[in-house]
């Protein structure tokens, strides 16, 4: 089955509205009901809706993430991009994720693996799983993701996967399950807000045959470019979290 088309509507203030073509008519908060035929005809152009106007574009990966509703704390684009790169996640990859939350990172993973890849995401809370499923549907990537309600530390059914991504507060409890699930050379990645959690995670990784253990922090600063001059934005991003990655091996140096 073909994946739905997804559009982003951008208003004068830069606010984004995500619209999926899985229904003929779309209810867009703040704008009303819009016909998908009308959106297709306005692609790349400004569309007037009542007393509002929006620019209609195909949704990018960023749009599919930032256009979603939030409930749990989310991983932003700068950290998601680093996780994809350092965990070697790309087209055709099979990825296990734990901690679906609002599905922001899930959407980034599903975008990266492509139509031939697969993401299996574990979420302990049924209400969060239901919320994540709705966001995945809105993103147009629901078909690439299998949602499971359960504790990833209790075991991962999938084997020989390319990557395991743990967006949970205690990833060290799931290191053993991740090692069992990964193929040789596959990657584990964790995202944590403080260094004590990182220390416990790295200690657990060192006890298993994981190699190339690395922790990094991504700092991003936006610049405002105007006719009067260019200066750093006053909106601070700074620290959001620490990314730890490692690869599965069967042996290691003592």
Protein backbone atom coordinates (compact mmCIF):
# COMPACT_ATOMS: atom_id res chain seq x y z
CA UNK A 1 0.00 0.00 0.00
CA UNK A 2 1.35 3.42 -0.97
CA UNK A 3 2.30 5.74 1.86
CA UNK A 4 0.11 8.84 2.23
CA UNK A 5 1.31 12.19 0.96
CA UNK A 6 2.12 14.66 3.72
CA UNK A 7 2.00 18.43 3.37
CA UNK A 8 3.09 21.23 5.66
CA UNK A 9 1.19 24.51 5.80
CA UNK A 10 3.31 27.43 7.02
CA UNK A 11 1.67 30.66 8.13
CA UNK A 12 3.11 34.19 8.29
CA UNK A 13 4.44 33.59 11.82
CA UNK A 14 6.28 30.45 10.77
CA UNK A 15 3.88 28.10 12.54
CA UNK A 16 3.59 24.69 10.87
CA UNK A 17 0.47 22.59 10.31
CA UNK A 18 0.97 18.99 9.23
CA UNK A 19 -1.62 17.45 6.91
CA UNK A 20 -1.67 13.80 5.80
CA UNK A 21 -3.50 12.63 2.66
CA UNK A 22 -4.91 9.50 4.31
CA UNK A 23 -8.37 11.14 4.21
CA UNK A 24 -10.04 13.25 1.51
CA UNK A 25 -10.76 16.10 3.90
CA UNK A 26 -8.34 17.25 6.60
CA UNK A 27 -9.22 19.02 9.85
CA UNK A 28 -6.44 21.50 10.57
CA UNK A 29 -6.42 23.18 13.99
CA UNK A 30 -6.88 26.92 13.63
CA UNK A 31 -7.64 26.70 9.91
CA UNK A 32 -10.71 24.45 9.61
CA UNK A 33 -11.45 21.68 7.11
CA UNK A 34 -9.39 21.62 3.91
CA UNK A 35 -9.74 19.48 0.80
CA UNK A 36 -6.65 17.54 -0.18
CA UNK A 37 -7.33 18.24 -3.87
CA UNK A 38 -7.12 21.95 -3.03
CA UNK A 39 -3.80 21.41 -1.25
CA UNK A 40 -2.34 19.47 -4.18
CA UNK A 41 -3.34 22.27 -6.53
CA UNK A 42 -1.71 24.89 -4.30
CA UNK A 43 1.61 23.08 -3.84
CA UNK A 44 4.42 25.61 -3.61
CA UNK A 45 1.99 28.53 -3.50
CA UNK A 46 0.21 30.69 -0.96
CA UNK A 47 -3.27 29.44 -0.11
CA UNK A 48 -5.89 31.76 1.40
CA UNK A 49 -8.06 30.09 4.05
CA UNK A 50 -10.70 32.46 5.40
CA UNK A 51 -8.80 35.46 6.75
CA UNK A 52 -5.54 33.49 6.95
CA UNK A 53 -2.96 32.56 4.35
CA UNK A 54 -0.51 29.65 4.37
CA UNK A 55 2.27 28.41 2.13
CA UNK A 56 1.75 24.79 1.01
CA UNK A 57 4.86 22.61 0.69
CA UNK A 58 5.69 18.90 0.73
CA UNK A 59 6.57 17.96 4.31
CA UNK A 60 10.28 17.56 5.03
CA UNK A 61 11.71 15.35 7.77
CA UNK A 62 11.91 18.40 10.01
CA UNK A 63 8.27 19.24 9.27
CA UNK A 64 7.16 15.70 10.09
CA UNK A 65 8.81 16.03 13.51
CA UNK A 66 8.11 19.65 14.44
CA UNK A 67 4.53 19.54 13.15
CA UNK A 68 3.56 16.87 15.68
CA UNK A 69 1.89 17.37 19.02
CA UNK A 70 4.08 16.99 22.09
CA UNK A 71 3.42 15.27 25.36
CA UNK A 72 6.66 13.79 26.67
CA UNK A 73 10.01 15.57 26.36
CA UNK A 74 11.20 15.21 22.78
CA UNK A 75 14.57 14.79 21.07
CA UNK A 76 15.16 17.72 18.74
CA UNK A 77 16.50 17.62 15.17
CA UNK A 78 20.14 18.32 16.09
CA UNK A 79 20.31 15.32 18.43
CA UNK A 80 18.19 13.08 16.18
CA UNK A 81 20.55 13.75 13.27
CA UNK A 82 23.58 12.87 15.39
CA UNK A 83 21.96 9.63 16.57
CA UNK A 84 21.20 8.60 12.98
CA UNK A 85 24.79 9.28 11.91
CA UNK A 86 26.66 7.76 14.84
CA UNK A 87 24.39 4.69 15.02
CA UNK A 88 24.76 4.18 11.24
CA UNK A 89 21.00 4.18 10.59
CA UNK A 90 20.05 4.52 6.93
CA UNK A 91 17.87 3.13 4.13
CA UNK A 92 16.88 -0.49 4.73
CA UNK A 93 17.99 -0.55 8.39
CA UNK A 94 16.01 -2.48 10.99
CA UNK A 95 15.92 -0.45 14.21
CA UNK A 96 14.53 -1.15 17.67
CA UNK A 97 13.61 1.91 19.72
CA UNK A 98 12.56 2.09 23.36
CA UNK A 99 10.60 5.03 24.72
CA UNK A 100 8.32 6.10 21.87
CA UNK A 101 6.91 9.02 23.88
CA UNK A 102 5.54 11.58 21.41
CA UNK A 103 7.17 9.69 18.48
CA UNK A 104 9.47 12.55 17.46
CA UNK A 105 12.54 10.33 17.35
CA UNK A 106 10.44 7.49 15.93
CA UNK A 107 9.54 9.71 12.97
CA UNK A 108 13.23 10.54 12.41
CA UNK A 109 14.12 6.83 12.50
CA UNK A 110 11.27 5.86 10.16
CA UNK A 111 12.28 8.61 7.71
CA UNK A 112 15.89 7.40 7.74
CA UNK A 113 15.20 3.67 7.19
CA UNK A 114 13.00 4.34 4.16
CA UNK A 115 10.16 2.25 2.80
CA UNK A 116 12.34 -0.90 2.78
CA UNK A 117 13.42 -0.54 6.42
CA UNK A 118 11.56 -1.14 9.65
CA UNK A 119 11.32 0.43 13.10
CA UNK A 120 10.02 -1.48 16.11
CA UNK A 121 9.33 0.83 19.03
CA UNK A 122 8.63 -0.26 22.60
CA UNK A 123 6.62 1.94 24.96
CA UNK A 124 5.71 0.93 28.51
CA UNK A 125 2.73 3.27 28.86
CA UNK A 126 -0.34 2.39 26.75
CA UNK A 127 -1.51 6.04 26.72
CA UNK A 128 1.86 7.17 25.34
CA UNK A 129 1.76 4.36 22.77
CA UNK A 130 -1.68 5.52 21.57
CA UNK A 131 -0.46 9.12 21.37
CA UNK A 132 2.65 8.04 19.46
CA UNK A 133 0.53 6.04 17.02
CA UNK A 134 -1.62 9.08 16.22
CA UNK A 135 1.48 11.21 15.61
CA UNK A 136 2.95 8.50 13.36
CA UNK A 137 -0.26 8.43 11.35
CA UNK A 138 -0.13 12.22 10.94
CA UNK A 139 3.49 12.00 9.81
CA UNK A 140 2.56 9.53 7.04
CA UNK A 141 5.09 6.96 8.31
CA UNK A 142 2.84 4.64 10.33
CA UNK A 143 3.36 1.71 7.92
CA UNK A 144 7.11 1.62 8.63
CA UNK A 145 6.71 1.31 12.40
CA UNK A 146 5.58 -1.54 14.64
CA UNK A 147 4.41 -0.28 18.03
CA UNK A 148 4.68 -2.57 21.05
CA UNK A 149 3.55 -1.93 24.61
CA UNK A 150 6.16 -3.43 26.90
CA UNK A 151 9.43 -3.08 28.81
CA UNK A 152 12.41 -3.38 26.50
CA UNK A 153 14.63 -4.43 29.43
CA UNK A 154 12.57 -7.64 29.72
CA UNK A 155 13.82 -8.70 26.30
CA UNK A 156 13.67 -7.81 22.61
CA UNK A 157 12.01 -10.30 20.28
CA UNK A 158 13.76 -8.97 17.15
CA UNK A 159 17.21 -10.42 16.39
CA UNK A 160 20.10 -9.35 14.14
CA UNK A 161 18.86 -5.78 14.07
CA UNK A 162 21.07 -2.94 12.85
CA UNK A 163 20.56 -0.56 15.77
CA UNK A 164 18.91 -0.25 19.17
CA UNK A 165 18.05 3.28 20.30
CA UNK A 166 17.16 3.77 23.97
CA UNK A 167 15.37 7.00 24.87
CA UNK A 168 14.58 5.87 28.42
CA UNK A 169 15.82 7.15 31.80
CA UNK A 170 17.60 3.89 32.76
CA UNK A 171 19.12 2.45 29.56
CA UNK A 172 21.70 0.45 31.51
CA UNK A 173 18.89 -1.97 32.44
CA UNK A 174 18.37 -2.77 28.75
CA UNK A 175 22.02 -3.11 27.64
CA UNK A 176 21.90 -6.92 27.85
CA UNK A 177 18.67 -7.12 25.85
CA UNK A 178 20.15 -4.75 23.26
CA UNK A 179 23.32 -6.84 22.88
CA UNK A 180 21.24 -10.01 22.36
CA UNK A 181 19.14 -8.26 19.72
CA UNK A 182 21.90 -6.62 17.68
CA UNK A 183 23.81 -8.11 14.78
CA UNK A 184 27.59 -8.14 15.07
CA UNK A 185 28.75 -4.59 14.36
CA UNK A 186 25.29 -3.17 15.08
CA UNK A 187 24.99 -0.01 17.16
CA UNK A 188 23.37 0.99 20.40
CA UNK A 189 22.53 4.64 21.08
CA UNK A 190 21.19 6.31 24.22
CA UNK A 191 20.02 9.85 24.95
CA UNK A 192 20.26 11.14 28.53
CA UNK A 193 19.97 14.54 30.23
CA UNK A 194 22.65 14.19 32.93
CA UNK A 195 26.13 12.78 33.35
CA UNK A 196 25.34 10.40 36.21
CA UNK A 197 22.97 8.50 33.92
CA UNK A 198 25.69 8.50 31.27
CA UNK A 199 28.21 7.03 33.74
CA UNK A 200 25.89 4.15 34.66
CA UNK A 201 25.18 3.48 31.00
CA UNK A 202 28.84 3.44 29.98
CA UNK A 203 29.70 1.10 32.88
CA UNK A 204 27.02 -1.33 31.67
CA UNK A 205 28.30 -1.11 28.08
CA UNK A 206 31.85 -1.84 29.20
CA UNK A 207 30.74 -5.02 30.98
CA UNK A 208 29.31 -6.39 27.72
CA UNK A 209 31.32 -6.86 24.50
CA UNK A 210 30.55 -3.34 23.24
CA UNK A 211 33.36 -1.39 21.63
CA UNK A 212 33.89 2.16 20.30
CA UNK A 213 31.94 3.57 23.24
CA UNK A 214 31.59 7.30 22.78
CA UNK A 215 29.58 10.07 24.47
CA UNK A 216 29.00 13.47 22.90
CA UNK A 217 26.99 16.62 23.40
CA UNK A 218 25.66 18.58 20.43
CA UNK A 219 25.60 22.37 20.84
CA UNK A 220 23.68 24.43 18.30
CA UNK A 221 23.43 28.21 17.93
CA UNK A 222 21.24 29.85 15.30
CA UNK A 223 22.21 33.11 13.61
CA UNK A 224 19.79 35.88 12.70
CA UNK A 225 20.66 37.34 9.29
CA UNK A 226 19.04 40.74 8.60
CA UNK A 227 19.70 43.76 6.43
CA UNK A 228 20.95 45.63 9.48
CA UNK A 229 23.47 42.93 10.37
CA UNK A 230 24.02 39.35 11.48
CA UNK A 231 24.09 38.25 15.10
CA UNK A 232 23.56 35.11 17.18
CA UNK A 233 19.97 34.38 18.12
CA UNK A 234 19.04 35.07 21.73
CA UNK A 235 16.99 31.88 21.83
CA UNK A 236 19.30 29.50 23.73
CA UNK A 237 19.51 25.86 22.72
CA UNK A 238 22.69 24.90 24.54
CA UNK A 239 22.55 21.60 26.37
CA UNK A 240 19.70 19.23 25.62
CA UNK A 241 21.27 15.86 26.38
CA UNK A 242 24.17 13.47 26.02
CA UNK A 243 24.31 10.89 23.22
CA UNK A 244 26.21 7.67 23.93
CA UNK A 245 26.88 5.17 21.14
CA UNK A 246 28.71 1.85 20.94
CA UNK A 247 29.01 -1.17 18.62
CA UNK A 248 28.46 -4.86 19.33
CA UNK A 249 31.52 -7.09 19.11
CA UNK A 250 32.09 -10.69 20.13
CA UNK A 251 35.52 -10.00 21.65
CA UNK A 252 37.21 -6.96 23.10
CA UNK A 253 40.68 -5.88 24.22
CA UNK A 254 41.30 -6.42 27.92
